[in-house]
Amino acid sequence: KTFTAVVSVVQAGKIDVVSRNADSSAVIGSVLVSAFTSDEGTPPKPIGEMLGQITTNGSGVGSITGLVSGAKYFLHYYKDDTTDI
């Protein structure tokens, strides 16, 4: 299952992510999250190479580091064994 989102860096240099199910009632762990620069279009699209990638922990939490504050990022969430993300 795949989900995408566009976010800004809130804390200098990193994006904190929490992977949740479709209605946000529960976290889902071990989700692969990849960050790209966003074109900020409608719908948004990733631009260029992947800038960072993590797998969320069992609590659905992780941080992608090495990013620039003020920029918009396209996040791609992927997990191959659930339809709930």
C-alpha atoms as a PDB file:
ATOM      1  CA  LYS A   1       0.000   0.000   0.000  1.00  0.00           C
ATOM      2  CA  THR A   2       1.313   3.493  -0.812  1.00  0.00           C
ATOM      3  CA  PHE A   3       0.584   6.905   0.678  1.00  0.00           C
ATOM      4  CA  THR A   4       2.159  10.283  -0.116  1.00  0.00           C
ATOM      5  CA  ALA A   5       2.256  13.636   1.674  1.00  0.00           C
ATOM      6  CA  VAL A   6       3.918  17.025   1.270  1.00  0.00           C
ATOM      7  CA  VAL A   7       5.432  18.538   4.411  1.00  0.00           C
ATOM      8  CA  SER A   8       7.876  21.218   5.519  1.00  0.00           C
ATOM      9  CA  VAL A   9      10.792  20.706   7.885  1.00  0.00           C
ATOM     10  CA  VAL A  10       9.565  21.799  11.305  1.00  0.00           C
ATOM     11  CA  GLN A  11      12.746  21.265  13.309  1.00  0.00           C
ATOM     12  CA  ALA A  12      16.027  22.326  11.712  1.00  0.00           C
ATOM     13  CA  GLY A  13      17.403  19.599   9.494  1.00  0.00           C
ATOM     14  CA  LYS A  14      14.864  16.813  10.017  1.00  0.00           C
ATOM     15  CA  ILE A  15      11.312  15.617   9.527  1.00  0.00           C
ATOM     16  CA  ASP A  16       9.734  13.509  12.259  1.00  0.00           C
ATOM     17  CA  VAL A  17       7.225  11.013  10.888  1.00  0.00           C
ATOM     18  CA  VAL A  18       4.576   8.793  12.444  1.00  0.00           C
ATOM     19  CA  SER A  19       3.004   6.136  10.237  1.00  0.00           C
ATOM     20  CA  ARG A  20      -0.683   5.574  11.010  1.00  0.00           C
ATOM     21  CA  ASN A  21      -3.549   3.619   9.522  1.00  0.00           C
ATOM     22  CA  ALA A  22      -6.077   5.167   7.125  1.00  0.00           C
ATOM     23  CA  ASP A  23      -8.291   6.720   9.812  1.00  0.00           C
ATOM     24  CA  SER A  24      -5.327   7.625  12.096  1.00  0.00           C
ATOM     25  CA  SER A  25      -6.700   5.466  14.914  1.00  0.00           C
ATOM     26  CA  ALA A  26      -3.555   3.326  15.245  1.00  0.00           C
ATOM     27  CA  VAL A  27       0.135   3.472  14.386  1.00  0.00           C
ATOM     28  CA  ILE A  28       1.678   1.047  11.905  1.00  0.00           C
ATOM     29  CA  GLY A  29       5.335   0.140  12.357  1.00  0.00           C
ATOM     30  CA  SER A  30       7.991  -0.879   9.833  1.00  0.00           C
ATOM     31  CA  VAL A  31       6.804   1.509   7.107  1.00  0.00           C
ATOM     32  CA  LEU A  32       9.391   2.624   4.540  1.00  0.00           C
ATOM     33  CA  VAL A  33       9.347   6.434   4.237  1.00  0.00           C
ATOM     34  CA  SER A  34      11.300   8.174   1.447  1.00  0.00           C
ATOM     35  CA  ALA A  35      11.818  11.948   1.113  1.00  0.00           C
ATOM     36  CA  PHE A  36      12.153  13.900  -2.132  1.00  0.00           C
ATOM     37  CA  THR A  37      11.988  17.621  -2.939  1.00  0.00           C
ATOM     38  CA  SER A  38       8.387  18.500  -3.882  1.00  0.00           C
ATOM     39  CA  ASP A  39       7.282  20.441  -6.943  1.00  0.00           C
ATOM     40  CA  GLU A  40       4.401  21.784  -4.751  1.00  0.00           C
ATOM     41  CA  GLY A  41       1.981  21.170  -7.630  1.00  0.00           C
ATOM     42  CA  THR A  42      -1.570  19.851  -7.563  1.00  0.00           C
ATOM     43  CA  PRO A  43      -1.179  16.945  -7.243  1.00  0.00           C
ATOM     44  CA  PRO A  44       2.362  17.245  -5.851  1.00  0.00           C
ATOM     45  CA  LYS A  45       5.170  15.264  -7.453  1.00  0.00           C
ATOM     46  CA  PRO A  46       8.696  14.392  -6.329  1.00  0.00           C
ATOM     47  CA  ILE A  47      11.622  16.155  -8.013  1.00  0.00           C
ATOM     48  CA  GLY A  48      15.066  14.637  -8.501  1.00  0.00           C
ATOM     49  CA  GLU A  49      16.827  12.041  -6.403  1.00  0.00           C
ATOM     50  CA  MET A  50      15.711  10.610  -3.095  1.00  0.00           C
ATOM     51  CA  LEU A  51      17.108  12.755  -0.251  1.00  0.00           C
ATOM     52  CA  GLY A  52      16.586  10.376   2.641  1.00  0.00           C
ATOM     53  CA  GLN A  53      14.892   7.147   3.608  1.00  0.00           C
ATOM     54  CA  ILE A  54      13.977   5.447   6.878  1.00  0.00           C
ATOM     55  CA  THR A  55      11.882   2.569   8.147  1.00  0.00           C
ATOM     56  CA  THR A  56       9.635   3.563  11.040  1.00  0.00           C
ATOM     57  CA  ASN A  57      10.067   1.626  14.277  1.00  0.00           C
ATOM     58  CA  GLY A  58       7.474  -0.642  15.910  1.00  0.00           C
ATOM     59  CA  SER A  59       5.671   2.438  17.229  1.00  0.00           C
ATOM     60  CA  GLY A  60       5.476   3.936  13.728  1.00  0.00           C
ATOM     61  CA  VAL A  61       8.001   6.663  14.563  1.00  0.00           C
ATOM     62  CA  GLY A  62      11.128   7.810  12.728  1.00  0.00           C
ATOM     63  CA  SER A  63      13.111  10.879  11.615  1.00  0.00           C
ATOM     64  CA  ILE A  64      14.571  11.738   8.222  1.00  0.00           C
ATOM     65  CA  THR A  65      17.637  13.934   8.751  1.00  0.00           C
ATOM     66  CA  GLY A  66      19.884  16.085   6.562  1.00  0.00           C
ATOM     67  CA  LEU A  67      17.065  18.219   5.130  1.00  0.00           C
ATOM     68  CA  VAL A  68      16.833  22.007   4.736  1.00  0.00           C
ATOM     69  CA  SER A  69      14.378  24.091   6.771  1.00  0.00           C
ATOM     70  CA  GLY A  70      11.825  26.055   4.735  1.00  0.00           C
ATOM     71  CA  ALA A  71      11.760  23.657   1.772  1.00  0.00           C
ATOM     72  CA  LYS A  72       8.754  21.501   0.867  1.00  0.00           C
ATOM     73  CA  TYR A  73       9.308  17.755   0.776  1.00  0.00           C
ATOM     74  CA  PHE A  74       7.351  14.963  -0.897  1.00  0.00           C
ATOM     75  CA  LEU A  75       7.124  11.948   1.425  1.00  0.00           C
ATOM     76  CA  HIS A  76       6.349   8.507   0.049  1.00  0.00           C
ATOM     77  CA  TYR A  77       5.142   5.879   2.551  1.00  0.00           C
ATOM     78  CA  TYR A  78       5.247   2.197   1.580  1.00  0.00           C
ATOM     79  CA  LYS A  79       4.445  -1.081   3.310  1.00  0.00           C
ATOM     80  CA  ASP A  80       3.819  -4.237   1.315  1.00  0.00           C
ATOM     81  CA  ASP A  81       1.804  -6.222   3.850  1.00  0.00           C
ATOM     82  CA  THR A  82      -1.083  -3.938   4.862  1.00  0.00           C
ATOM     83  CA  THR A  83      -4.013  -2.156   3.265  1.00  0.00           C
ATOM     84  CA  ASP A  84      -4.489   0.129   6.261  1.00  0.00           C
ATOM     85  CA  ILE A  85      -1.823   2.768   5.694  1.00  0.00           C
END
